[in-house]
Amino acid sequence: TAVAVEEALLSAGFQVSGLARTYQEALQIAGMSAVDAAVVDVNLAAEPDGVATARALLRRGHIPLVYLTGNTDEATFERAK
């Protein structure tokens, strides 16, 4: 879950800017602080999905991305690449 990932990052000494469940929330969080990296779930709670969210974040500037997903569908994998 997102909370488990957040706890793992915090315990490893990273700062977490926020948890977003939607595209809009992710862009809002990224706009409020400098983001060094993003952990993005391919399956967000609403559309646009995590791949579209990651692309929007990259349009704001190059940042490392880590995708998380339980989805193994080939089309989604190709979009994420």
N, C-alpha and C. Protein backbone atom coordinates (compact mmCIF):
# COMPACT_ATOMS: atom_id res chain seq x y z
N THR A 1 0.84 -1.19 0.00
CA THR A 1 0.00 0.00 0.00
C THR A 1 0.87 1.25 0.00
N ALA A 2 0.27 2.37 -0.31
CA ALA A 2 1.00 3.64 -0.35
C ALA A 2 1.57 3.99 1.01
N VAL A 3 0.83 3.69 2.06
CA VAL A 3 1.30 4.01 3.41
C VAL A 3 2.53 3.17 3.75
N ALA A 4 2.53 1.91 3.36
CA ALA A 4 3.69 1.04 3.61
C ALA A 4 4.92 1.54 2.86
N VAL A 5 4.75 1.99 1.62
CA VAL A 5 5.87 2.55 0.85
C VAL A 5 6.35 3.83 1.52
N GLU A 6 5.42 4.68 1.95
CA GLU A 6 5.79 5.91 2.63
C GLU A 6 6.60 5.61 3.89
N GLU A 7 6.14 4.67 4.70
CA GLU A 7 6.84 4.31 5.93
C GLU A 7 8.24 3.78 5.64
N ALA A 8 8.38 2.97 4.60
CA ALA A 8 9.69 2.43 4.23
C ALA A 8 10.64 3.54 3.80
N LEU A 9 10.13 4.48 3.01
CA LEU A 9 10.96 5.61 2.57
C LEU A 9 11.38 6.48 3.74
N LEU A 10 10.44 6.77 4.64
CA LEU A 10 10.75 7.59 5.80
C LEU A 10 11.77 6.91 6.71
N SER A 11 11.61 5.62 6.92
CA SER A 11 12.56 4.91 7.78
C SER A 11 13.94 4.80 7.14
N ALA A 12 14.01 4.92 5.81
CA ALA A 12 15.29 4.91 5.11
C ALA A 12 15.91 6.31 5.05
N GLY A 13 15.23 7.30 5.63
CA GLY A 13 15.78 8.64 5.69
C GLY A 13 15.33 9.59 4.59
N PHE A 14 14.39 9.16 3.76
CA PHE A 14 13.89 10.03 2.70
C PHE A 14 12.77 10.90 3.22
N GLN A 15 12.57 12.03 2.58
CA GLN A 15 11.45 12.91 2.88
C GLN A 15 10.35 12.62 1.87
N VAL A 16 9.13 12.54 2.33
CA VAL A 16 7.98 12.28 1.46
C VAL A 16 7.14 13.55 1.38
N SER A 17 6.94 14.04 0.16
CA SER A 17 6.18 15.29 -0.02
C SER A 17 4.69 15.08 0.17
N GLY A 18 4.21 13.88 -0.10
CA GLY A 18 2.79 13.61 0.06
C GLY A 18 2.37 12.34 -0.65
N LEU A 19 1.16 11.92 -0.38
CA LEU A 19 0.56 10.76 -1.04
C LEU A 19 -0.59 11.24 -1.90
N ALA A 20 -0.59 10.86 -3.14
CA ALA A 20 -1.65 11.26 -4.06
C ALA A 20 -2.42 10.03 -4.52
N ARG A 21 -3.70 10.14 -4.56
CA ARG A 21 -4.52 9.04 -5.04
C ARG A 21 -5.04 9.29 -6.45
N THR A 22 -4.85 10.52 -6.94
CA THR A 22 -5.33 10.88 -8.27
C THR A 22 -4.27 11.69 -9.02
N TYR A 23 -4.47 11.81 -10.31
CA TYR A 23 -3.62 12.63 -11.19
C TYR A 23 -3.52 14.05 -10.66
N GLN A 24 -4.65 14.66 -10.36
CA GLN A 24 -4.68 16.05 -9.90
C GLN A 24 -3.93 16.22 -8.58
N GLU A 25 -4.13 15.29 -7.65
CA GLU A 25 -3.43 15.38 -6.37
C GLU A 25 -1.92 15.28 -6.57
N ALA A 26 -1.48 14.41 -7.47
CA ALA A 26 -0.05 14.24 -7.73
C ALA A 26 0.55 15.52 -8.29
N LEU A 27 -0.13 16.15 -9.24
CA LEU A 27 0.38 17.39 -9.81
C LEU A 27 0.38 18.51 -8.78
N GLN A 28 -0.62 18.53 -7.93
CA GLN A 28 -0.69 19.55 -6.88
C GLN A 28 0.47 19.39 -5.90
N ILE A 29 0.74 18.18 -5.46
CA ILE A 29 1.85 17.93 -4.54
C ILE A 29 3.18 18.31 -5.19
N ALA A 30 3.36 17.89 -6.44
CA ALA A 30 4.61 18.20 -7.16
C ALA A 30 4.78 19.70 -7.36
N GLY A 31 3.69 20.43 -7.48
CA GLY A 31 3.76 21.87 -7.66
C GLY A 31 4.07 22.63 -6.38
N MET A 32 3.86 21.99 -5.23
CA MET A 32 4.06 22.67 -3.95
C MET A 32 5.48 22.52 -3.41
N SER A 33 6.25 21.57 -3.92
CA SER A 33 7.60 21.36 -3.39
C SER A 33 8.49 20.79 -4.48
N ALA A 34 9.79 20.91 -4.26
CA ALA A 34 10.74 20.31 -5.20
C ALA A 34 10.68 18.80 -5.04
N VAL A 35 10.54 18.10 -6.14
CA VAL A 35 10.42 16.65 -6.10
C VAL A 35 11.68 16.05 -6.72
N ASP A 36 12.37 15.21 -5.97
CA ASP A 36 13.59 14.57 -6.46
C ASP A 36 13.32 13.26 -7.17
N ALA A 37 12.19 12.63 -6.85
CA ALA A 37 11.81 11.35 -7.46
C ALA A 37 10.33 11.13 -7.18
N ALA A 38 9.72 10.24 -7.97
CA ALA A 38 8.32 9.92 -7.76
C ALA A 38 8.12 8.41 -7.82
N VAL A 39 7.34 7.90 -6.90
CA VAL A 39 6.91 6.51 -6.91
C VAL A 39 5.46 6.54 -7.35
N VAL A 40 5.17 5.91 -8.50
CA VAL A 40 3.86 6.03 -9.12
C VAL A 40 3.23 4.65 -9.29
N ASP A 41 2.02 4.50 -8.78
CA ASP A 41 1.26 3.27 -9.01
C ASP A 41 0.57 3.41 -10.36
N VAL A 42 0.73 2.44 -11.21
CA VAL A 42 0.11 2.47 -12.52
C VAL A 42 -1.41 2.57 -12.39
N ASN A 43 -1.97 1.94 -11.38
CA ASN A 43 -3.42 1.92 -11.19
C ASN A 43 -3.85 2.94 -10.14
N LEU A 44 -4.03 4.18 -10.54
CA LEU A 44 -4.55 5.19 -9.62
C LEU A 44 -6.04 5.00 -9.44
N ALA A 45 -6.59 5.66 -8.43
CA ALA A 45 -8.00 5.51 -8.10
C ALA A 45 -8.93 6.03 -9.19
N ALA A 46 -8.45 6.94 -10.02
CA ALA A 46 -9.30 7.54 -11.06
C ALA A 46 -8.46 7.77 -12.31
N GLU A 47 -9.12 8.10 -13.39
CA GLU A 47 -8.43 8.45 -14.63
C GLU A 47 -7.99 9.91 -14.56
N PRO A 48 -6.93 10.30 -15.19
CA PRO A 48 -5.94 9.52 -15.91
C PRO A 48 -5.16 8.59 -14.97
N ASP A 49 -4.60 7.54 -15.55
CA ASP A 49 -3.90 6.53 -14.75
C ASP A 49 -2.50 6.97 -14.37
N GLY A 50 -1.76 6.07 -13.73
CA GLY A 50 -0.42 6.38 -13.26
C GLY A 50 0.57 6.67 -14.37
N VAL A 51 0.42 6.03 -15.52
CA VAL A 51 1.32 6.29 -16.65
C VAL A 51 1.14 7.72 -17.13
N ALA A 52 -0.09 8.16 -17.29
CA ALA A 52 -0.36 9.54 -17.70
C ALA A 52 0.12 10.52 -16.63
N THR A 53 -0.03 10.16 -15.38
CA THR A 53 0.45 11.01 -14.29
C THR A 53 1.96 11.15 -14.34
N ALA A 54 2.65 10.05 -14.55
CA ALA A 54 4.12 10.08 -14.64
C ALA A 54 4.56 10.96 -15.81
N ARG A 55 3.89 10.84 -16.93
CA ARG A 55 4.24 11.68 -18.09
C ARG A 55 4.04 13.16 -17.79
N ALA A 56 2.98 13.49 -17.08
CA ALA A 56 2.73 14.89 -16.71
C ALA A 56 3.81 15.39 -15.75
N LEU A 57 4.24 14.55 -14.82
CA LEU A 57 5.31 14.93 -13.92
C LEU A 57 6.61 15.16 -14.68
N LEU A 58 6.88 14.32 -15.67
CA LEU A 58 8.10 14.47 -16.46
C LEU A 58 8.08 15.74 -17.32
N ARG A 59 6.90 16.17 -17.73
CA ARG A 59 6.80 17.42 -18.49
C ARG A 59 7.21 18.63 -17.64
N ARG A 60 7.10 18.50 -16.34
CA ARG A 60 7.51 19.58 -15.42
C ARG A 60 9.01 19.60 -15.22
N GLY A 61 9.70 18.55 -15.57
CA GLY A 61 11.15 18.45 -15.40
C GLY A 61 11.54 17.00 -15.25
N HIS A 62 12.77 16.69 -15.58
CA HIS A 62 13.22 15.30 -15.50
C HIS A 62 13.39 14.88 -14.04
N ILE A 63 12.65 13.86 -13.65
CA ILE A 63 12.81 13.28 -12.32
C ILE A 63 12.80 11.77 -12.46
N PRO A 64 13.55 11.08 -11.62
CA PRO A 64 13.50 9.62 -11.65
C PRO A 64 12.11 9.13 -11.24
N LEU A 65 11.64 8.10 -11.92
CA LEU A 65 10.33 7.51 -11.62
C LEU A 65 10.49 6.04 -11.26
N VAL A 66 9.70 5.61 -10.31
CA VAL A 66 9.60 4.19 -9.98
C VAL A 66 8.13 3.85 -10.12
N TYR A 67 7.83 2.90 -11.00
CA TYR A 67 6.45 2.44 -11.16
C TYR A 67 6.20 1.25 -10.24
N LEU A 68 5.03 1.22 -9.62
CA LEU A 68 4.57 0.08 -8.85
C LEU A 68 3.28 -0.40 -9.48
N THR A 69 3.14 -1.70 -9.60
CA THR A 69 1.89 -2.23 -10.13
C THR A 69 1.80 -3.73 -9.92
N GLY A 70 0.60 -4.19 -9.82
CA GLY A 70 0.34 -5.62 -9.83
C GLY A 70 -0.17 -6.02 -11.21
N ASN A 71 -0.26 -5.03 -12.09
CA ASN A 71 -0.81 -5.22 -13.43
C ASN A 71 0.29 -5.76 -14.35
N THR A 72 0.01 -6.85 -15.02
CA THR A 72 1.01 -7.44 -15.93
C THR A 72 0.57 -7.34 -17.38
N ASP A 73 -0.42 -6.55 -17.65
CA ASP A 73 -0.94 -6.41 -19.01
C ASP A 73 0.11 -5.74 -19.90
N GLU A 74 0.38 -6.35 -21.03
CA GLU A 74 1.46 -5.93 -21.95
C GLU A 74 1.28 -4.50 -22.45
N ALA A 75 0.07 -4.10 -22.77
CA ALA A 75 -0.17 -2.75 -23.28
C ALA A 75 0.20 -1.70 -22.24
N THR A 76 -0.16 -1.92 -20.99
CA THR A 76 0.19 -0.98 -19.93
C THR A 76 1.70 -0.94 -19.73
N PHE A 77 2.33 -2.11 -19.76
CA PHE A 77 3.78 -2.18 -19.62
C PHE A 77 4.47 -1.37 -20.71
N GLU A 78 4.01 -1.49 -21.94
CA GLU A 78 4.61 -0.76 -23.06
C GLU A 78 4.42 0.75 -22.89
N ARG A 79 3.24 1.17 -22.43
CA ARG A 79 3.01 2.60 -22.18
C ARG A 79 3.93 3.14 -21.10
N ALA A 80 4.18 2.34 -20.06
CA ALA A 80 5.03 2.77 -18.97
C ALA A 80 6.48 2.90 -19.39
N LYS A 81 6.91 2.08 -20.32
CA LYS A 81 8.31 2.15 -20.78
C LYS A 81 8.54 3.46 -21.47
